[in-house]
Amino acid sequence: EGKRLTEYAISFLREAGEGEVLSIE
């Protein structure tokens, strides 16, 4: 809210499957 993305980048390192949990930092 109140933010407009102007640029972003994503690196895909290891695939994640159904049931796995990503710990976000």
mmCIF file of all heavy atoms, coordinates in Angstrom:
data_MODEL
# 
_entry.id   MODEL 
# 
loop_
_atom_site.group_PDB 
_atom_site.id 
_atom_site.type_symbol 
_atom_site.label_atom_id 
_atom_site.label_alt_id 
_atom_site.label_comp_id 
_atom_site.label_asym_id 
_atom_site.label_entity_id 
_atom_site.label_seq_id 
_atom_site.pdbx_PDB_ins_code 
_atom_site.Cartn_x 
_atom_site.Cartn_y 
_atom_site.Cartn_z 
_atom_site.occupancy 
_atom_site.B_iso_or_equiv 
_atom_site.pdbx_formal_charge 
_atom_site.auth_seq_id 
_atom_site.auth_comp_id 
_atom_site.auth_asym_id 
_atom_site.auth_atom_id 
_atom_site.pdbx_PDB_model_num 
ATOM 1   N N   . GLU A 1 1  ? 0.835  -1.204  0.000   1.00 0.00 ? 1  GLU A N   1 
ATOM 2   C CA  . GLU A 1 1  ? 0.000  0.000   0.000   1.00 0.00 ? 1  GLU A CA  1 
ATOM 3   C C   . GLU A 1 1  ? 0.870  1.254   0.000   1.00 0.00 ? 1  GLU A C   1 
ATOM 4   O O   . GLU A 1 1  ? 1.784  1.396   0.828   1.00 0.00 ? 1  GLU A O   1 
ATOM 5   C CB  . GLU A 1 1  ? -0.909 0.014   1.225   1.00 0.00 ? 1  GLU A CB  1 
ATOM 6   C CG  . GLU A 1 1  ? -2.041 1.024   1.166   1.00 0.00 ? 1  GLU A CG  1 
ATOM 7   C CD  . GLU A 1 1  ? -3.110 0.633   0.151   1.00 0.00 ? 1  GLU A CD  1 
ATOM 8   O OE1 . GLU A 1 1  ? -3.278 -0.576  -0.108  1.00 0.00 ? 1  GLU A OE1 1 
ATOM 9   O OE2 . GLU A 1 1  ? -3.763 1.543   -0.380  1.00 0.00 ? 1  GLU A OE2 1 
ATOM 10  N N   . GLY A 1 2  ? 0.588  2.163   -0.923  1.00 0.00 ? 2  GLY A N   1 
ATOM 11  C CA  . GLY A 1 2  ? 1.354  3.404   -1.005  1.00 0.00 ? 2  GLY A CA  1 
ATOM 12  C C   . GLY A 1 2  ? 2.714  3.255   -1.654  1.00 0.00 ? 2  GLY A C   1 
ATOM 13  O O   . GLY A 1 2  ? 3.533  4.177   -1.587  1.00 0.00 ? 2  GLY A O   1 
ATOM 14  N N   . LYS A 1 3  ? 2.959  2.119   -2.310  1.00 0.00 ? 3  LYS A N   1 
ATOM 15  C CA  . LYS A 1 3  ? 4.236  1.887   -2.990  1.00 0.00 ? 3  LYS A CA  1 
ATOM 16  C C   . LYS A 1 3  ? 3.985  1.541   -4.451  1.00 0.00 ? 3  LYS A C   1 
ATOM 17  O O   . LYS A 1 3  ? 3.028  0.839   -4.777  1.00 0.00 ? 3  LYS A O   1 
ATOM 18  C CB  . LYS A 1 3  ? 5.026  0.754   -2.332  1.00 0.00 ? 3  LYS A CB  1 
ATOM 19  C CG  . LYS A 1 3  ? 5.385  0.988   -0.861  1.00 0.00 ? 3  LYS A CG  1 
ATOM 20  C CD  . LYS A 1 3  ? 6.188  -0.172  -0.327  1.00 0.00 ? 3  LYS A CD  1 
ATOM 21  C CE  . LYS A 1 3  ? 6.624  0.040   1.120   1.00 0.00 ? 3  LYS A CE  1 
ATOM 22  N NZ  . LYS A 1 3  ? 5.497  -0.107  2.048   1.00 0.00 ? 3  LYS A NZ  1 
ATOM 23  N N   . ARG A 1 4  ? 4.861  2.018   -5.306  1.00 0.00 ? 4  ARG A N   1 
ATOM 24  C CA  . ARG A 1 4  ? 4.801  1.692   -6.737  1.00 0.00 ? 4  ARG A CA  1 
ATOM 25  C C   . ARG A 1 4  ? 6.128  1.096   -7.153  1.00 0.00 ? 4  ARG A C   1 
ATOM 26  O O   . ARG A 1 4  ? 7.165  1.764   -7.072  1.00 0.00 ? 4  ARG A O   1 
ATOM 27  C CB  . ARG A 1 4  ? 4.513  2.945   -7.564  1.00 0.00 ? 4  ARG A CB  1 
ATOM 28  C CG  . ARG A 1 4  ? 4.336  2.666   -9.059  1.00 0.00 ? 4  ARG A CG  1 
ATOM 29  C CD  . ARG A 1 4  ? 4.105  3.939   -9.856  1.00 0.00 ? 4  ARG A CD  1 
ATOM 30  N NE  . ARG A 1 4  ? 5.321  4.730   -9.997  1.00 0.00 ? 4  ARG A NE  1 
ATOM 31  C CZ  . ARG A 1 4  ? 6.241  4.537   -10.947 1.00 0.00 ? 4  ARG A CZ  1 
ATOM 32  N NH1 . ARG A 1 4  ? 6.096  3.553   -11.828 1.00 0.00 ? 4  ARG A NH1 1 
ATOM 33  N NH2 . ARG A 1 4  ? 7.311  5.308   -11.022 1.00 0.00 ? 4  ARG A NH2 1 
ATOM 34  N N   . LEU A 1 5  ? 6.101  -0.181  -7.549  1.00 0.00 ? 5  LEU A N   1 
ATOM 35  C CA  . LEU A 1 5  ? 7.335  -0.827  -7.999  1.00 0.00 ? 5  LEU A CA  1 
ATOM 36  C C   . LEU A 1 5  ? 7.840  -0.154  -9.267  1.00 0.00 ? 5  LEU A C   1 
ATOM 37  O O   . LEU A 1 5  ? 7.076  0.091   -10.201 1.00 0.00 ? 5  LEU A O   1 
ATOM 38  C CB  . LEU A 1 5  ? 7.103  -2.312  -8.276  1.00 0.00 ? 5  LEU A CB  1 
ATOM 39  C CG  . LEU A 1 5  ? 6.881  -3.259  -7.090  1.00 0.00 ? 5  LEU A CG  1 
ATOM 40  C CD1 . LEU A 1 5  ? 6.836  -4.691  -7.594  1.00 0.00 ? 5  LEU A CD1 1 
ATOM 41  C CD2 . LEU A 1 5  ? 7.955  -3.103  -6.036  1.00 0.00 ? 5  LEU A CD2 1 
ATOM 42  N N   . THR A 1 6  ? 9.131  0.146   -9.297  1.00 0.00 ? 6  THR A N   1 
ATOM 43  C CA  . THR A 1 6  ? 9.751  0.723   -10.484 1.00 0.00 ? 6  THR A CA  1 
ATOM 44  C C   . THR A 1 6  ? 10.753 -0.242  -11.130 1.00 0.00 ? 6  THR A C   1 
ATOM 45  O O   . THR A 1 6  ? 11.075 -0.088  -12.308 1.00 0.00 ? 6  THR A O   1 
ATOM 46  C CB  . THR A 1 6  ? 10.469 2.038   -10.144 1.00 0.00 ? 6  THR A CB  1 
ATOM 47  O OG1 . THR A 1 6  ? 11.459 1.795   -9.131  1.00 0.00 ? 6  THR A OG1 1 
ATOM 48  C CG2 . THR A 1 6  ? 9.473  3.075   -9.624  1.00 0.00 ? 6  THR A CG2 1 
ATOM 49  N N   . GLU A 1 7  ? 11.215 -1.213  -10.364 1.00 0.00 ? 7  GLU A N   1 
ATOM 50  C CA  . GLU A 1 7  ? 12.161 -2.192  -10.904 1.00 0.00 ? 7  GLU A CA  1 
ATOM 51  C C   . GLU A 1 7  ? 12.215 -3.375  -9.960  1.00 0.00 ? 7  GLU A C   1 
ATOM 52  O O   . GLU A 1 7  ? 12.081 -3.222  -8.740  1.00 0.00 ? 7  GLU A O   1 
ATOM 53  C CB  . GLU A 1 7  ? 13.548 -1.568  -11.051 1.00 0.00 ? 7  GLU A CB  1 
ATOM 54  C CG  . GLU A 1 7  ? 14.534 -2.404  -11.842 1.00 0.00 ? 7  GLU A CG  1 
ATOM 55  C CD  . GLU A 1 7  ? 15.830 -1.678  -12.157 1.00 0.00 ? 7  GLU A CD  1 
ATOM 56  O OE1 . GLU A 1 7  ? 15.947 -0.475  -11.825 1.00 0.00 ? 7  GLU A OE1 1 
ATOM 57  O OE2 . GLU A 1 7  ? 16.738 -2.303  -12.738 1.00 0.00 ? 7  GLU A OE2 1 
ATOM 58  N N   . TYR A 1 8  ? 12.381 -4.574  -10.519 1.00 0.00 ? 8  TYR A N   1 
ATOM 59  C CA  . TYR A 1 8  ? 12.574 -5.749  -9.663  1.00 0.00 ? 8  TYR A CA  1 
ATOM 60  C C   . TYR A 1 8  ? 13.318 -6.830  -10.436 1.00 0.00 ? 8  TYR A C   1 
ATOM 61  O O   . TYR A 1 8  ? 13.358 -6.830  -11.667 1.00 0.00 ? 8  TYR A O   1 
ATOM 62  C CB  . TYR A 1 8  ? 11.240 -6.273  -9.111  1.00 0.00 ? 8  TYR A CB  1 
ATOM 63  C CG  . TYR A 1 8  ? 10.321 -6.926  -10.123 1.00 0.00 ? 8  TYR A CG  1 
ATOM 64  C CD1 . TYR A 1 8  ? 10.372 -8.297  -10.360 1.00 0.00 ? 8  TYR A CD1 1 
ATOM 65  C CD2 . TYR A 1 8  ? 9.380  -6.176  -10.827 1.00 0.00 ? 8  TYR A CD2 1 
ATOM 66  C CE1 . TYR A 1 8  ? 9.529  -8.896  -11.276 1.00 0.00 ? 8  TYR A CE1 1 
ATOM 67  C CE2 . TYR A 1 8  ? 8.532  -6.774  -11.750 1.00 0.00 ? 8  TYR A CE2 1 
ATOM 68  C CZ  . TYR A 1 8  ? 8.608  -8.135  -11.954 1.00 0.00 ? 8  TYR A CZ  1 
ATOM 69  O OH  . TYR A 1 8  ? 7.771  -8.731  -12.869 1.00 0.00 ? 8  TYR A OH  1 
ATOM 70  N N   . ALA A 1 9  ? 13.903 -7.742  -9.674  1.00 0.00 ? 9  ALA A N   1 
ATOM 71  C CA  . ALA A 1 9  ? 14.640 -8.861  -10.263 1.00 0.00 ? 9  ALA A CA  1 
ATOM 72  C C   . ALA A 1 9  ? 14.435 -10.089 -9.386  1.00 0.00 ? 9  ALA A C   1 
ATOM 73  O O   . ALA A 1 9  ? 14.323 -9.980  -8.155  1.00 0.00 ? 9  ALA A O   1 
ATOM 74  C CB  . ALA A 1 9  ? 16.128 -8.534  -10.373 1.00 0.00 ? 9  ALA A CB  1 
ATOM 75  N N   . ILE A 1 10 ? 14.367 -11.251 -10.009 1.00 0.00 ? 10 ILE A N   1 
ATOM 76  C CA  . ILE A 1 10 ? 14.194 -12.511 -9.288  1.00 0.00 ? 10 ILE A CA  1 
ATOM 77  C C   . ILE A 1 10 ? 15.185 -13.528 -9.847  1.00 0.00 ? 10 ILE A C   1 
ATOM 78  O O   . ILE A 1 10 ? 15.320 -13.674 -11.073 1.00 0.00 ? 10 ILE A O   1 
ATOM 79  C CB  . ILE A 1 10 ? 12.764 -13.066 -9.433  1.00 0.00 ? 10 ILE A CB  1 
ATOM 80  C CG1 . ILE A 1 10 ? 11.728 -12.036 -8.976  1.00 0.00 ? 10 ILE A CG1 1 
ATOM 81  C CG2 . ILE A 1 10 ? 12.608 -14.357 -8.624  1.00 0.00 ? 10 ILE A CG2 1 
ATOM 82  C CD1 . ILE A 1 10 ? 10.286 -12.442 -9.269  1.00 0.00 ? 10 ILE A CD1 1 
ATOM 83  N N   . SER A 1 11 ? 15.872 -14.234 -8.952  1.00 0.00 ? 11 SER A N   1 
ATOM 84  C CA  . SER A 1 11 ? 16.739 -15.350 -9.332  1.00 0.00 ? 11 SER A CA  1 
ATOM 85  C C   . SER A 1 11 ? 16.092 -16.640 -8.841  1.00 0.00 ? 11 SER A C   1 
ATOM 86  O O   . SER A 1 11 ? 15.747 -16.752 -7.653  1.00 0.00 ? 11 SER A O   1 
ATOM 87  C CB  . SER A 1 11 ? 18.130 -15.196 -8.706  1.00 0.00 ? 11 SER A CB  1 
ATOM 88  O OG  . SER A 1 11 ? 18.806 -14.081 -9.249  1.00 0.00 ? 11 SER A OG  1 
ATOM 89  N N   . PHE A 1 12 ? 15.926 -17.598 -9.732  1.00 0.00 ? 12 PHE A N   1 
ATOM 90  C CA  . PHE A 1 12 ? 15.280 -18.876 -9.413  1.00 0.00 ? 12 PHE A CA  1 
ATOM 91  C C   . PHE A 1 12 ? 16.390 -19.897 -9.149  1.00 0.00 ? 12 PHE A C   1 
ATOM 92  O O   . PHE A 1 12 ? 17.099 -20.300 -10.081 1.00 0.00 ? 12 PHE A O   1 
ATOM 93  C CB  . PHE A 1 12 ? 14.379 -19.303 -10.554 1.00 0.00 ? 12 PHE A CB  1 
ATOM 94  C CG  . PHE A 1 12 ? 13.405 -18.216 -10.968 1.00 0.00 ? 12 PHE A CG  1 
ATOM 95  C CD1 . PHE A 1 12 ? 13.712 -17.347 -12.018 1.00 0.00 ? 12 PHE A CD1 1 
ATOM 96  C CD2 . PHE A 1 12 ? 12.209 -18.042 -10.300 1.00 0.00 ? 12 PHE A CD2 1 
ATOM 97  C CE1 . PHE A 1 12 ? 12.831 -16.350 -12.397 1.00 0.00 ? 12 PHE A CE1 1 
ATOM 98  C CE2 . PHE A 1 12 ? 11.318 -17.044 -10.662 1.00 0.00 ? 12 PHE A CE2 1 
ATOM 99  C CZ  . PHE A 1 12 ? 11.622 -16.190 -11.711 1.00 0.00 ? 12 PHE A CZ  1 
ATOM 100 N N   . LEU A 1 13 ? 16.528 -20.315 -7.901  1.00 0.00 ? 13 LEU A N   1 
ATOM 101 C CA  . LEU A 1 13 ? 17.683 -21.117 -7.504  1.00 0.00 ? 13 LEU A CA  1 
ATOM 102 C C   . LEU A 1 13 ? 17.374 -22.612 -7.396  1.00 0.00 ? 13 LEU A C   1 
ATOM 103 O O   . LEU A 1 13 ? 18.095 -23.437 -7.943  1.00 0.00 ? 13 LEU A O   1 
ATOM 104 C CB  . LEU A 1 13 ? 18.227 -20.595 -6.171  1.00 0.00 ? 13 LEU A CB  1 
ATOM 105 C CG  . LEU A 1 13 ? 18.578 -19.098 -6.151  1.00 0.00 ? 13 LEU A CG  1 
ATOM 106 C CD1 . LEU A 1 13 ? 19.041 -18.667 -4.768  1.00 0.00 ? 13 LEU A CD1 1 
ATOM 107 C CD2 . LEU A 1 13 ? 19.635 -18.784 -7.199  1.00 0.00 ? 13 LEU A CD2 1 
ATOM 108 N N   . ARG A 1 14 ? 16.320 -22.967 -6.660  1.00 0.00 ? 14 ARG A N   1 
ATOM 109 C CA  . ARG A 1 14 ? 15.914 -24.369 -6.522  1.00 0.00 ? 14 ARG A CA  1 
ATOM 110 C C   . ARG A 1 14 ? 14.397 -24.437 -6.582  1.00 0.00 ? 14 ARG A C   1 
ATOM 111 O O   . ARG A 1 14 ? 13.707 -23.672 -5.905  1.00 0.00 ? 14 ARG A O   1 
ATOM 112 C CB  . ARG A 1 14 ? 16.387 -24.972 -5.186  1.00 0.00 ? 14 ARG A CB  1 
ATOM 113 C CG  . ARG A 1 14 ? 17.875 -25.182 -5.074  1.00 0.00 ? 14 ARG A CG  1 
ATOM 114 C CD  . ARG A 1 14 ? 18.236 -25.817 -3.726  1.00 0.00 ? 14 ARG A CD  1 
ATOM 115 N NE  . ARG A 1 14 ? 19.671 -26.000 -3.587  1.00 0.00 ? 14 ARG A NE  1 
ATOM 116 C CZ  . ARG A 1 14 ? 20.518 -25.054 -3.162  1.00 0.00 ? 14 ARG A CZ  1 
ATOM 117 N NH1 . ARG A 1 14 ? 20.037 -23.848 -2.847  1.00 0.00 ? 14 ARG A NH1 1 
ATOM 118 N NH2 . ARG A 1 14 ? 21.803 -25.294 -3.054  1.00 0.00 ? 14 ARG A NH2 1 
ATOM 119 N N   . GLU A 1 15 ? 13.889 -25.354 -7.388  1.00 0.00 ? 15 GLU A N   1 
ATOM 120 C CA  . GLU A 1 15 ? 12.452 -25.482 -7.536  1.00 0.00 ? 15 GLU A CA  1 
ATOM 121 C C   . GLU A 1 15 ? 11.805 -25.916 -6.218  1.00 0.00 ? 15 GLU A C   1 
ATOM 122 O O   . GLU A 1 15 ? 12.414 -26.633 -5.427  1.00 0.00 ? 15 GLU A O   1 
ATOM 123 C CB  . GLU A 1 15 ? 12.124 -26.494 -8.632  1.00 0.00 ? 15 GLU A CB  1 
ATOM 124 C CG  . GLU A 1 15 ? 12.598 -26.055 -10.018 1.00 0.00 ? 15 GLU A CG  1 
ATOM 125 C CD  . GLU A 1 15 ? 12.546 -27.171 -11.042 1.00 0.00 ? 15 GLU A CD  1 
ATOM 126 O OE1 . GLU A 1 15 ? 12.852 -28.322 -10.675 1.00 0.00 ? 15 GLU A OE1 1 
ATOM 127 O OE2 . GLU A 1 15 ? 12.207 -26.886 -12.205 1.00 0.00 ? 15 GLU A OE2 1 
ATOM 128 N N   . ALA A 1 16 ? 10.578 -25.473 -6.000  1.00 0.00 ? 16 ALA A N   1 
ATOM 129 C CA  . ALA A 1 16 ? 9.827  -25.835 -4.797  1.00 0.00 ? 16 ALA A CA  1 
ATOM 130 C C   . ALA A 1 16 ? 8.554  -26.558 -5.221  1.00 0.00 ? 16 ALA A C   1 
ATOM 131 O O   . ALA A 1 16 ? 7.874  -26.137 -6.166  1.00 0.00 ? 16 ALA A O   1 
ATOM 132 C CB  . ALA A 1 16 ? 9.486  -24.592 -3.983  1.00 0.00 ? 16 ALA A CB  1 
ATOM 133 N N   . GLY A 1 17 ? 8.245  -27.649 -4.545  1.00 0.00 ? 17 GLY A N   1 
ATOM 134 C CA  . GLY A 1 17 ? 7.074  -28.448 -4.887  1.00 0.00 ? 17 GLY A CA  1 
ATOM 135 C C   . GLY A 1 17 ? 5.950  -28.279 -3.880  1.00 0.00 ? 17 GLY A C   1 
ATOM 136 O O   . GLY A 1 17 ? 6.125  -27.684 -2.806  1.00 0.00 ? 17 GLY A O   1 
ATOM 137 N N   . GLU A 1 18 ? 4.792  -28.800 -4.237  1.00 0.00 ? 18 GLU A N   1 
ATOM 138 C CA  . GLU A 1 18 ? 3.633  -28.724 -3.353  1.00 0.00 ? 18 GLU A CA  1 
ATOM 139 C C   . GLU A 1 18 ? 3.959  -29.337 -1.993  1.00 0.00 ? 18 GLU A C   1 
ATOM 140 O O   . GLU A 1 18 ? 4.572  -30.398 -1.902  1.00 0.00 ? 18 GLU A O   1 
ATOM 141 C CB  . GLU A 1 18 ? 2.449  -29.465 -3.984  1.00 0.00 ? 18 GLU A CB  1 
ATOM 142 C CG  . GLU A 1 18 ? 1.191  -29.421 -3.131  1.00 0.00 ? 18 GLU A CG  1 
ATOM 143 C CD  . GLU A 1 18 ? 0.059  -30.246 -3.715  1.00 0.00 ? 18 GLU A CD  1 
ATOM 144 O OE1 . GLU A 1 18 ? 0.260  -30.871 -4.793  1.00 0.00 ? 18 GLU A OE1 1 
ATOM 145 O OE2 . GLU A 1 18 ? -1.017 -30.281 -3.097  1.00 0.00 ? 18 GLU A OE2 1 
ATOM 146 N N   . GLY A 1 19 ? 3.571  -28.646 -0.929  1.00 0.00 ? 19 GLY A N   1 
ATOM 147 C CA  . GLY A 1 19 ? 3.814  -29.121 0.419   1.00 0.00 ? 19 GLY A CA  1 
ATOM 148 C C   . GLY A 1 19 ? 5.077  -28.577 1.051   1.00 0.00 ? 19 GLY A C   1 
ATOM 149 O O   . GLY A 1 19 ? 5.217  -28.604 2.282   1.00 0.00 ? 19 GLY A O   1 
ATOM 150 N N   . GLU A 1 20 ? 6.015  -28.088 0.234   1.00 0.00 ? 20 GLU A N   1 
ATOM 151 C CA  . GLU A 1 20 ? 7.213  -27.469 0.793   1.00 0.00 ? 20 GLU A CA  1 
ATOM 152 C C   . GLU A 1 20 ? 6.877  -26.075 1.315   1.00 0.00 ? 20 GLU A C   1 
ATOM 153 O O   . GLU A 1 20 ? 5.912  -25.438 0.881   1.00 0.00 ? 20 GLU A O   1 
ATOM 154 C CB  . GLU A 1 20 ? 8.329  -27.405 -0.245  1.00 0.00 ? 20 GLU A CB  1 
ATOM 155 C CG  . GLU A 1 20 ? 8.858  -28.778 -0.631  1.00 0.00 ? 20 GLU A CG  1 
ATOM 156 C CD  . GLU A 1 20 ? 10.154 -28.704 -1.408  1.00 0.00 ? 20 GLU A CD  1 
ATOM 157 O OE1 . GLU A 1 20 ? 10.104 -28.319 -2.593  1.00 0.00 ? 20 GLU A OE1 1 
ATOM 158 O OE2 . GLU A 1 20 ? 11.210 -29.039 -0.834  1.00 0.00 ? 20 GLU A OE2 1 
ATOM 159 N N   . VAL A 1 21 ? 7.690  -25.610 2.251   1.00 0.00 ? 21 VAL A N   1 
ATOM 160 C CA  . VAL A 1 21 ? 7.451  -24.310 2.874   1.00 0.00 ? 21 VAL A CA  1 
ATOM 161 C C   . VAL A 1 21 ? 8.665  -23.419 2.660   1.00 0.00 ? 21 VAL A C   1 
ATOM 162 O O   . VAL A 1 21 ? 9.799  -23.826 2.953   1.00 0.00 ? 21 VAL A O   1 
ATOM 163 C CB  . VAL A 1 21 ? 7.161  -24.456 4.385   1.00 0.00 ? 21 VAL A CB  1 
ATOM 164 C CG1 . VAL A 1 21 ? 6.990  -23.091 5.033   1.00 0.00 ? 21 VAL A CG1 1 
ATOM 165 C CG2 . VAL A 1 21 ? 5.919  -25.309 4.610   1.00 0.00 ? 21 VAL A CG2 1 
ATOM 166 N N   . LEU A 1 22 ? 8.424  -22.229 2.142   1.00 0.00 ? 22 LEU A N   1 
ATOM 167 C CA  . LEU A 1 22 ? 9.488  -21.253 1.965   1.00 0.00 ? 22 LEU A CA  1 
ATOM 168 C C   . LEU A 1 22 ? 9.554  -20.344 3.184   1.00 0.00 ? 22 LEU A C   1 
ATOM 169 O O   . LEU A 1 22 ? 8.547  -19.719 3.560   1.00 0.00 ? 22 LEU A O   1 
ATOM 170 C CB  . LEU A 1 22 ? 9.234  -20.404 0.715   1.00 0.00 ? 22 LEU A CB  1 
ATOM 171 C CG  . LEU A 1 22 ? 9.394  -21.109 -0.631  1.00 0.00 ? 22 LEU A CG  1 
ATOM 172 C CD1 . LEU A 1 22 ? 8.772  -20.273 -1.741  1.00 0.00 ? 22 LEU A CD1 1 
ATOM 173 C CD2 . LEU A 1 22 ? 10.868 -21.373 -0.929  1.00 0.00 ? 22 LEU A CD2 1 
ATOM 174 N N   . SER A 1 23 ? 10.710 -20.282 3.811   1.00 0.00 ? 23 SER A N   1 
ATOM 175 C CA  . SER A 1 23 ? 10.944 -19.334 4.902   1.00 0.00 ? 23 SER A CA  1 
ATOM 176 C C   . SER A 1 23 ? 11.469 -18.046 4.286   1.00 0.00 ? 23 SER A C   1 
ATOM 177 O O   . SER A 1 23 ? 12.530 -18.045 3.649   1.00 0.00 ? 23 SER A O   1 
ATOM 178 C CB  . SER A 1 23 ? 11.958 -19.901 5.904   1.00 0.00 ? 23 SER A CB  1 
ATOM 179 O OG  . SER A 1 23 ? 11.450 -21.072 6.514   1.00 0.00 ? 23 SER A OG  1 
ATOM 180 N N   . ILE A 1 24 ? 10.715 -16.966 4.453   1.00 0.00 ? 24 ILE A N   1 
ATOM 181 C CA  . ILE A 1 24 ? 11.024 -15.701 3.793   1.00 0.00 ? 24 ILE A CA  1 
ATOM 182 C C   . ILE A 1 24 ? 11.818 -14.794 4.727   1.00 0.00 ? 24 ILE A C   1 
ATOM 183 O O   . ILE A 1 24 ? 11.456 -14.619 5.901   1.00 0.00 ? 24 ILE A O   1 
ATOM 184 C CB  . ILE A 1 24 ? 9.740  -14.975 3.340   1.00 0.00 ? 24 ILE A CB  1 
ATOM 185 C CG1 . ILE A 1 24 ? 8.839  -15.922 2.535   1.00 0.00 ? 24 ILE A CG1 1 
ATOM 186 C CG2 . ILE A 1 24 ? 10.085 -13.730 2.544   1.00 0.00 ? 24 ILE A CG2 1 
ATOM 187 C CD1 . ILE A 1 24 ? 9.434  -16.426 1.261   1.00 0.00 ? 24 ILE A CD1 1 
ATOM 188 N N   . GLU A 1 25 ? 12.908 -14.234 4.197   1.00 0.00 ? 25 GLU A N   1 
ATOM 189 C CA  . GLU A 1 25 ? 13.713 -13.252 4.925   1.00 0.00 ? 25 GLU A CA  1 
ATOM 190 C C   . GLU A 1 25 ? 13.851 -12.008 4.054   1.00 0.00 ? 25 GLU A C   1 
ATOM 191 O O   . GLU A 1 25 ? 13.955 -12.123 2.831   1.00 0.00 ? 25 GLU A O   1 
ATOM 192 C CB  . GLU A 1 25 ? 15.103 -13.807 5.238   1.00 0.00 ? 25 GLU A CB  1 
ATOM 193 C CG  . GLU A 1 25 ? 15.108 -15.056 6.103   1.00 0.00 ? 25 GLU A CG  1 
ATOM 194 C CD  . GLU A 1 25 ? 16.524 -15.603 6.238   1.00 0.00 ? 25 GLU A CD  1 
ATOM 195 O OE1 . GLU A 1 25 ? 17.051 -16.090 5.210   1.00 0.00 ? 25 GLU A OE1 1 
ATOM 196 O OE2 . GLU A 1 25 ? 17.089 -15.503 7.342   1.00 0.00 ? 25 GLU A OE2 1 
# 
